[in-house]
Amino acid sequence: MSETKPETKQVPCEICLKEIPASEAKTAEAVDYVAHFCGLDCYNQWKAKQEADETSKAGART
Protein backbone atom coordinates (compact mmCIF):
# COMPACT_ATOMS: atom_id res chain seq x y z
CA MET A 1 0.00 0.00 0.00
CA SER A 2 1.53 3.30 -1.02
CA GLU A 3 0.86 6.43 0.95
CA THR A 4 0.24 9.62 -0.95
CA LYS A 5 1.51 12.84 0.49
CA PRO A 6 -0.89 15.76 0.50
CA GLU A 7 -0.03 18.36 -2.13
CA THR A 8 1.93 21.28 -0.79
CA LYS A 9 0.60 24.72 -1.67
CA GLN A 10 3.00 26.50 -4.02
CA VAL A 11 3.44 30.28 -4.19
CA PRO A 12 5.49 32.34 -6.65
CA CYS A 13 8.49 34.35 -5.48
CA GLU A 14 7.67 38.05 -5.84
CA ILE A 15 10.98 38.73 -7.69
CA CYS A 16 12.05 35.69 -9.72
CA LEU A 17 8.59 34.02 -9.90
CA LYS A 18 10.07 30.63 -8.93
CA GLU A 19 7.38 28.35 -7.47
CA ILE A 20 8.18 27.51 -3.84
CA PRO A 21 6.28 25.70 -1.08
CA ALA A 22 4.30 28.21 0.99
CA SER A 23 5.76 26.68 4.15
CA GLU A 24 9.30 27.50 2.96
CA ALA A 25 8.61 31.01 1.63
CA LYS A 26 9.92 34.11 3.34
CA THR A 27 7.10 36.64 3.62
CA ALA A 28 6.81 40.38 3.95
CA GLU A 29 3.51 42.07 4.62
CA ALA A 30 3.12 45.02 2.32
CA VAL A 31 0.35 47.59 2.57
CA ASP A 32 -2.38 45.64 0.76
CA TYR A 33 -0.88 42.19 0.22
CA VAL A 34 1.62 39.59 1.37
CA ALA A 35 4.70 39.07 -0.80
CA HIS A 36 6.52 35.73 -0.89
CA PHE A 37 10.25 35.27 -1.54
CA CYS A 38 12.35 32.19 -2.26
CA GLY A 39 15.26 33.57 -0.24
CA LEU A 40 17.04 36.59 1.15
CA ASP A 41 18.50 37.67 -2.20
CA CYS A 42 15.06 38.15 -3.73
CA TYR A 43 13.72 39.72 -0.53
CA ASN A 44 16.61 42.23 -0.47
CA GLN A 45 15.99 43.13 -4.13
CA TRP A 46 12.29 43.72 -3.38
CA LYS A 47 13.07 45.77 -0.27
CA ALA A 48 15.58 47.95 -2.15
CA LYS A 49 12.99 48.61 -4.87
CA GLN A 50 10.36 49.51 -2.26
CA GLU A 51 12.78 51.94 -0.59
CA ALA A 52 13.75 53.48 -3.94
CA ASP A 53 10.07 53.92 -4.83
CA GLU A 54 9.42 55.64 -1.49
CA THR A 55 12.43 57.94 -2.00
CA SER A 56 11.29 58.93 -5.50
CA LYS A 57 7.74 59.58 -4.24
CA ALA A 58 9.10 61.78 -1.43
CA GLY A 59 11.27 63.68 -3.93
CA ALA A 60 8.29 64.26 -6.21
CA ARG A 61 6.35 65.87 -3.36
CA THR A 62 8.98 68.54 -2.66
PDB file of N, CA and C in Angstrom:
ATOM      1  N   MET A   1       0.850  -1.181   0.000  1.00  0.00           N
ATOM      2  CA  MET A   1       0.000   0.000   0.000  1.00  0.00           C
ATOM      3  C   MET A   1       0.890   1.237   0.000  1.00  0.00           C
ATOM      4  N   SER A   2       0.709   2.090  -0.956  1.00  0.00           N
ATOM      5  CA  SER A   2       1.528   3.298  -1.017  1.00  0.00           C
ATOM      6  C   SER A   2       0.756   4.471  -0.428  1.00  0.00           C
ATOM      7  N   GLU A   3       1.470   5.247   0.352  1.00  0.00           N
ATOM      8  CA  GLU A   3       0.860   6.432   0.948  1.00  0.00           C
ATOM      9  C   GLU A   3       1.092   7.616   0.026  1.00  0.00           C
ATOM     10  N   THR A   4       0.077   8.414  -0.147  1.00  0.00           N
ATOM     11  CA  THR A   4       0.242   9.621  -0.949  1.00  0.00           C
ATOM     12  C   THR A   4       0.363  10.808  -0.016  1.00  0.00           C
ATOM     13  N   LYS A   5       1.315  11.638  -0.311  1.00  0.00           N
ATOM     14  CA  LYS A   5       1.514  12.842   0.488  1.00  0.00           C
ATOM     15  C   LYS A   5       0.539  13.905   0.012  1.00  0.00           C
ATOM     16  N   PRO A   6      -0.016  14.672   0.940  1.00  0.00           N
ATOM     17  CA  PRO A   6      -0.894  15.761   0.500  1.00  0.00           C
ATOM     18  C   PRO A   6      -0.089  16.783  -0.298  1.00  0.00           C
ATOM     19  N   GLU A   7      -0.724  17.356  -1.320  1.00  0.00           N
ATOM     20  CA  GLU A   7      -0.026  18.355  -2.132  1.00  0.00           C
ATOM     21  C   GLU A   7       0.293  19.586  -1.310  1.00  0.00           C
ATOM     22  N   THR A   8       1.498  20.078  -1.483  1.00  0.00           N
ATOM     23  CA  THR A   8       1.934  21.278  -0.789  1.00  0.00           C
ATOM     24  C   THR A   8       1.545  22.491  -1.617  1.00  0.00           C
ATOM     25  N   LYS A   9       0.976  23.490  -0.959  1.00  0.00           N
ATOM     26  CA  LYS A   9       0.603  24.718  -1.668  1.00  0.00           C
ATOM     27  C   LYS A   9       1.866  25.421  -2.152  1.00  0.00           C
ATOM     28  N   GLN A  10       1.878  25.803  -3.414  1.00  0.00           N
ATOM     29  CA  GLN A  10       3.004  26.505  -4.024  1.00  0.00           C
ATOM     30  C   GLN A  10       2.646  27.978  -4.196  1.00  0.00           C
ATOM     31  N   VAL A  11       3.614  28.838  -3.971  1.00  0.00           N
ATOM     32  CA  VAL A  11       3.438  30.275  -4.185  1.00  0.00           C
ATOM     33  C   VAL A  11       4.607  30.784  -5.019  1.00  0.00           C
ATOM     34  N   PRO A  12       4.387  31.807  -5.846  1.00  0.00           N
ATOM     35  CA  PRO A  12       5.490  32.343  -6.647  1.00  0.00           C
ATOM     36  C   PRO A  12       6.307  33.362  -5.854  1.00  0.00           C
ATOM     37  N   CYS A  13       7.617  33.325  -6.055  1.00  0.00           N
ATOM     38  CA  CYS A  13       8.494  34.345  -5.482  1.00  0.00           C
ATOM     39  C   CYS A  13       8.140  35.682  -6.134  1.00  0.00           C
ATOM     40  N   GLU A  14       8.056  36.723  -5.348  1.00  0.00           N
ATOM     41  CA  GLU A  14       7.675  38.054  -5.842  1.00  0.00           C
ATOM     42  C   GLU A  14       8.671  38.590  -6.879  1.00  0.00           C
ATOM     43  N   ILE A  15       9.943  38.198  -6.797  1.00  0.00           N
ATOM     44  CA  ILE A  15      10.978  38.731  -7.688  1.00  0.00           C
ATOM     45  C   ILE A  15      11.242  37.818  -8.884  1.00  0.00           C
ATOM     46  N   CYS A  16      11.641  36.568  -8.627  1.00  0.00           N
ATOM     47  CA  CYS A  16      12.052  35.687  -9.724  1.00  0.00           C
ATOM     48  C   CYS A  16      10.928  34.779 -10.225  1.00  0.00           C
ATOM     49  N   LEU A  17       9.776  34.788  -9.539  1.00  0.00           N
ATOM     50  CA  LEU A  17       8.592  34.015  -9.903  1.00  0.00           C
ATOM     51  C   LEU A  17       8.781  32.505  -9.799  1.00  0.00           C
ATOM     52  N   LYS A  18       9.844  32.060  -9.165  1.00  0.00           N
ATOM     53  CA  LYS A  18      10.073  30.635  -8.932  1.00  0.00           C
ATOM     54  C   LYS A  18       8.983  30.114  -7.995  1.00  0.00           C
ATOM     55  N   GLU A  19       8.406  28.952  -8.320  1.00  0.00           N
ATOM     56  CA  GLU A  19       7.385  28.351  -7.466  1.00  0.00           C
ATOM     57  C   GLU A  19       8.065  27.695  -6.267  1.00  0.00           C
ATOM     58  N   ILE A  20       7.606  28.044  -5.071  1.00  0.00           N
ATOM     59  CA  ILE A  20       8.178  27.513  -3.841  1.00  0.00           C
ATOM     60  C   ILE A  20       7.053  27.088  -2.907  1.00  0.00           C
ATOM     61  N   PRO A  21       7.308  26.091  -2.039  1.00  0.00           N
ATOM     62  CA  PRO A  21       6.278  25.699  -1.076  1.00  0.00           C
ATOM     63  C   PRO A  21       5.966  26.869  -0.146  1.00  0.00           C
ATOM     64  N   ALA A  22       4.702  27.099   0.120  1.00  0.00           N
ATOM     65  CA  ALA A  22       4.299  28.209   0.987  1.00  0.00           C
ATOM     66  C   ALA A  22       4.949  28.097   2.359  1.00  0.00           C
ATOM     67  N   SER A  23       5.154  26.873   2.826  1.00  0.00           N
ATOM     68  CA  SER A  23       5.755  26.681   4.148  1.00  0.00           C
ATOM     69  C   SER A  23       7.223  27.087   4.186  1.00  0.00           C
ATOM     70  N   GLU A  24       7.882  27.150   3.033  1.00  0.00           N
ATOM     71  CA  GLU A  24       9.298  27.501   2.963  1.00  0.00           C
ATOM     72  C   GLU A  24       9.525  28.959   2.566  1.00  0.00           C
ATOM     73  N   ALA A  25       8.485  29.643   2.144  1.00  0.00           N
ATOM     74  CA  ALA A  25       8.611  31.008   1.632  1.00  0.00           C
ATOM     75  C   ALA A  25       8.875  32.001   2.752  1.00  0.00           C
ATOM     76  N   LYS A  26       9.721  32.959   2.456  1.00  0.00           N
ATOM     77  CA  LYS A  26       9.915  34.112   3.336  1.00  0.00           C
ATOM     78  C   LYS A  26       8.813  35.098   2.967  1.00  0.00           C
ATOM     79  N   THR A  27       8.204  35.736   3.938  1.00  0.00           N
ATOM     80  CA  THR A  27       7.105  36.645   3.623  1.00  0.00           C
ATOM     81  C   THR A  27       7.353  38.039   4.171  1.00  0.00           C
ATOM     82  N   ALA A  28       6.786  38.993   3.498  1.00  0.00           N
ATOM     83  CA  ALA A  28       6.809  40.382   3.955  1.00  0.00           C
ATOM     84  C   ALA A  28       5.414  40.935   3.730  1.00  0.00           C
ATOM     85  N   GLU A  29       4.850  41.504   4.762  1.00  0.00           N
ATOM     86  CA  GLU A  29       3.513  42.073   4.625  1.00  0.00           C
ATOM     87  C   GLU A  29       3.636  43.496   4.098  1.00  0.00           C
ATOM     88  N   ALA A  30       3.138  43.692   2.909  1.00  0.00           N
ATOM     89  CA  ALA A  30       3.119  45.024   2.318  1.00  0.00           C
ATOM     90  C   ALA A  30       1.800  45.689   2.712  1.00  0.00           C
ATOM     91  N   VAL A  31       1.540  46.836   2.172  1.00  0.00           N
ATOM     92  CA  VAL A  31       0.351  47.593   2.572  1.00  0.00           C
ATOM     93  C   VAL A  31      -0.935  46.807   2.317  1.00  0.00           C
ATOM     94  N   ASP A  32      -1.124  46.298   1.112  1.00  0.00           N
ATOM     95  CA  ASP A  32      -2.376  45.635   0.765  1.00  0.00           C
ATOM     96  C   ASP A  32      -2.235  44.155   0.431  1.00  0.00           C
ATOM     97  N   TYR A  33      -1.075  43.585   0.599  1.00  0.00           N
ATOM     98  CA  TYR A  33      -0.882  42.192   0.217  1.00  0.00           C
ATOM     99  C   TYR A  33       0.306  41.596   0.960  1.00  0.00           C
ATOM    100  N   VAL A  34       0.467  40.287   0.812  1.00  0.00           N
ATOM    101  CA  VAL A  34       1.623  39.591   1.368  1.00  0.00           C
ATOM    102  C   VAL A  34       2.487  39.153   0.200  1.00  0.00           C
ATOM    103  N   ALA A  35       3.761  39.462   0.245  1.00  0.00           N
ATOM    104  CA  ALA A  35       4.699  39.072  -0.805  1.00  0.00           C
ATOM    105  C   ALA A  35       5.504  37.873  -0.318  1.00  0.00           C
ATOM    106  N   HIS A  36       5.754  36.922  -1.222  1.00  0.00           N
ATOM    107  CA  HIS A  36       6.522  35.728  -0.888  1.00  0.00           C
ATOM    108  C   HIS A  36       7.856  35.767  -1.623  1.00  0.00           C
ATOM    109  N   PHE A  37       8.904  35.268  -0.968  1.00  0.00           N
ATOM    110  CA  PHE A  37      10.246  35.269  -1.544  1.00  0.00           C
ATOM    111  C   PHE A  37      10.899  33.916  -1.351  1.00  0.00           C
ATOM    112  N   CYS A  38      11.684  33.484  -2.350  1.00  0.00           N
ATOM    113  CA  CYS A  38      12.354  32.188  -2.262  1.00  0.00           C
ATOM    114  C   CYS A  38      13.577  32.256  -1.361  1.00  0.00           C
ATOM    115  N   GLY A  39      14.090  33.431  -1.106  1.00  0.00           N
ATOM    116  CA  GLY A  39      15.258  33.572  -0.241  1.00  0.00           C
ATOM    117  C   GLY A  39      15.583  35.030   0.026  1.00  0.00           C
ATOM    118  N   LEU A  40      16.661  35.230   0.756  1.00  0.00           N
ATOM    119  CA  LEU A  40      17.036  36.586   1.150  1.00  0.00           C
ATOM    120  C   LEU A  40      17.468  37.458  -0.022  1.00  0.00           C
ATOM    121  N   ASP A  41      18.076  36.865  -1.043  1.00  0.00           N
ATOM    122  CA  ASP A  41      18.500  37.668  -2.196  1.00  0.00           C
ATOM    123  C   ASP A  41      17.300  38.342  -2.859  1.00  0.00           C
ATOM    124  N   CYS A  42      16.254  37.575  -3.102  1.00  0.00           N
ATOM    125  CA  CYS A  42      15.057  38.149  -3.726  1.00  0.00           C
ATOM    126  C   CYS A  42      14.375  39.127  -2.779  1.00  0.00           C
ATOM    127  N   TYR A  43      14.324  38.802  -1.497  1.00  0.00           N
ATOM    128  CA  TYR A  43      13.724  39.716  -0.526  1.00  0.00           C
ATOM    129  C   TYR A  43      14.473  41.044  -0.513  1.00  0.00           C
ATOM    130  N   ASN A  44      15.810  41.000  -0.496  1.00  0.00           N
ATOM    131  CA  ASN A  44      16.605  42.233  -0.469  1.00  0.00           C
ATOM    132  C   ASN A  44      16.403  43.064  -1.736  1.00  0.00           C
ATOM    133  N   GLN A  45      16.267  42.405  -2.890  1.00  0.00           N
ATOM    134  CA  GLN A  45      15.987  43.132  -4.133  1.00  0.00           C
ATOM    135  C   GLN A  45      14.640  43.840  -4.037  1.00  0.00           C
ATOM    136  N   TRP A  46      13.631  43.135  -3.522  1.00  0.00           N
ATOM    137  CA  TRP A  46      12.294  43.715  -3.377  1.00  0.00           C
ATOM    138  C   TRP A  46      12.325  44.892  -2.406  1.00  0.00           C
ATOM    139  N   LYS A  47      13.006  44.715  -1.280  1.00  0.00           N
ATOM    140  CA  LYS A  47      13.070  45.769  -0.265  1.00  0.00           C
ATOM    141  C   LYS A  47      13.769  47.013  -0.821  1.00  0.00           C
ATOM    142  N   ALA A  48      14.861  46.818  -1.560  1.00  0.00           N
ATOM    143  CA  ALA A  48      15.582  47.949  -2.151  1.00  0.00           C
ATOM    144  C   ALA A  48      14.688  48.696  -3.136  1.00  0.00           C
ATOM    145  N   LYS A  49      13.905  47.961  -3.922  1.00  0.00           N
ATOM    146  CA  LYS A  49      12.995  48.606  -4.871  1.00  0.00           C
ATOM    147  C   LYS A  49      11.917  49.381  -4.123  1.00  0.00           C
ATOM    148  N   GLN A  50      11.382  48.814  -3.047  1.00  0.00           N
ATOM    149  CA  GLN A  50      10.363  49.514  -2.260  1.00  0.00           C
ATOM    150  C   GLN A  50      10.923  50.811  -1.684  1.00  0.00           C
ATOM    151  N   GLU A  51      12.150  50.754  -1.162  1.00  0.00           N
ATOM    152  CA  GLU A  51      12.777  51.945  -0.587  1.00  0.00           C
ATOM    153  C   GLU A  51      13.057  52.990  -1.661  1.00  0.00           C
ATOM    154  N   ALA A  52      13.493  52.547  -2.841  1.00  0.00           N
ATOM    155  CA  ALA A  52      13.752  53.478  -3.941  1.00  0.00           C
ATOM    156  C   ALA A  52      12.453  54.135  -4.395  1.00  0.00           C
ATOM    157  N   ASP A  53      11.374  53.357  -4.450  1.00  0.00           N
ATOM    158  CA  ASP A  53      10.075  53.916  -4.830  1.00  0.00           C
ATOM    159  C   ASP A  53       9.621  54.959  -3.818  1.00  0.00           C
ATOM    160  N   GLU A  54       9.810  54.688  -2.535  1.00  0.00           N
ATOM    161  CA  GLU A  54       9.423  55.641  -1.491  1.00  0.00           C
ATOM    162  C   GLU A  54      10.246  56.925  -1.593  1.00  0.00           C
ATOM    163  N   THR A  55      11.543  56.786  -1.868  1.00  0.00           N
ATOM    164  CA  THR A  55      12.425  57.944  -2.000  1.00  0.00           C
ATOM    165  C   THR A  55      12.004  58.802  -3.190  1.00  0.00           C
ATOM    166  N   SER A  56      11.692  58.155  -4.313  1.00  0.00           N
ATOM    167  CA  SER A  56      11.292  58.926  -5.497  1.00  0.00           C
ATOM    168  C   SER A  56       9.935  59.593  -5.279  1.00  0.00           C
ATOM    169  N   LYS A  57       9.035  58.956  -4.545  1.00  0.00           N
ATOM    170  CA  LYS A  57       7.743  59.579  -4.236  1.00  0.00           C
ATOM    171  C   LYS A  57       7.942  60.790  -3.332  1.00  0.00           C
ATOM    172  N   ALA A  58       8.831  60.668  -2.350  1.00  0.00           N
ATOM    173  CA  ALA A  58       9.105  61.779  -1.433  1.00  0.00           C
ATOM    174  C   ALA A  58       9.741  62.942  -2.194  1.00  0.00           C
ATOM    175  N   GLY A  59      10.628  62.643  -3.134  1.00  0.00           N
ATOM    176  CA  GLY A  59      11.272  63.683  -3.931  1.00  0.00           C
ATOM    177  C   GLY A  59      10.289  64.386  -4.849  1.00  0.00           C
ATOM    178  N   ALA A  60       9.291  63.667  -5.320  1.00  0.00           N
ATOM    179  CA  ALA A  60       8.290  64.255  -6.211  1.00  0.00           C
ATOM    180  C   ALA A  60       7.369  65.212  -5.463  1.00  0.00           C
ATOM    181  N   ARG A  61       7.232  65.017  -4.153  1.00  0.00           N
ATOM    182  CA  ARG A  61       6.350  65.871  -3.357  1.00  0.00           C
ATOM    183  C   ARG A  61       6.991  67.196  -2.995  1.00  0.00           C
ATOM    184  N   THR A  62       8.314  67.294  -3.073  1.00  0.00           N
ATOM    185  CA  THR A  62       8.985  68.538  -2.659  1.00  0.00           C
ATOM    186  C   THR A  62       9.122  69.511  -3.796  1.00  0.00           C
TER     187      THR A  62
END
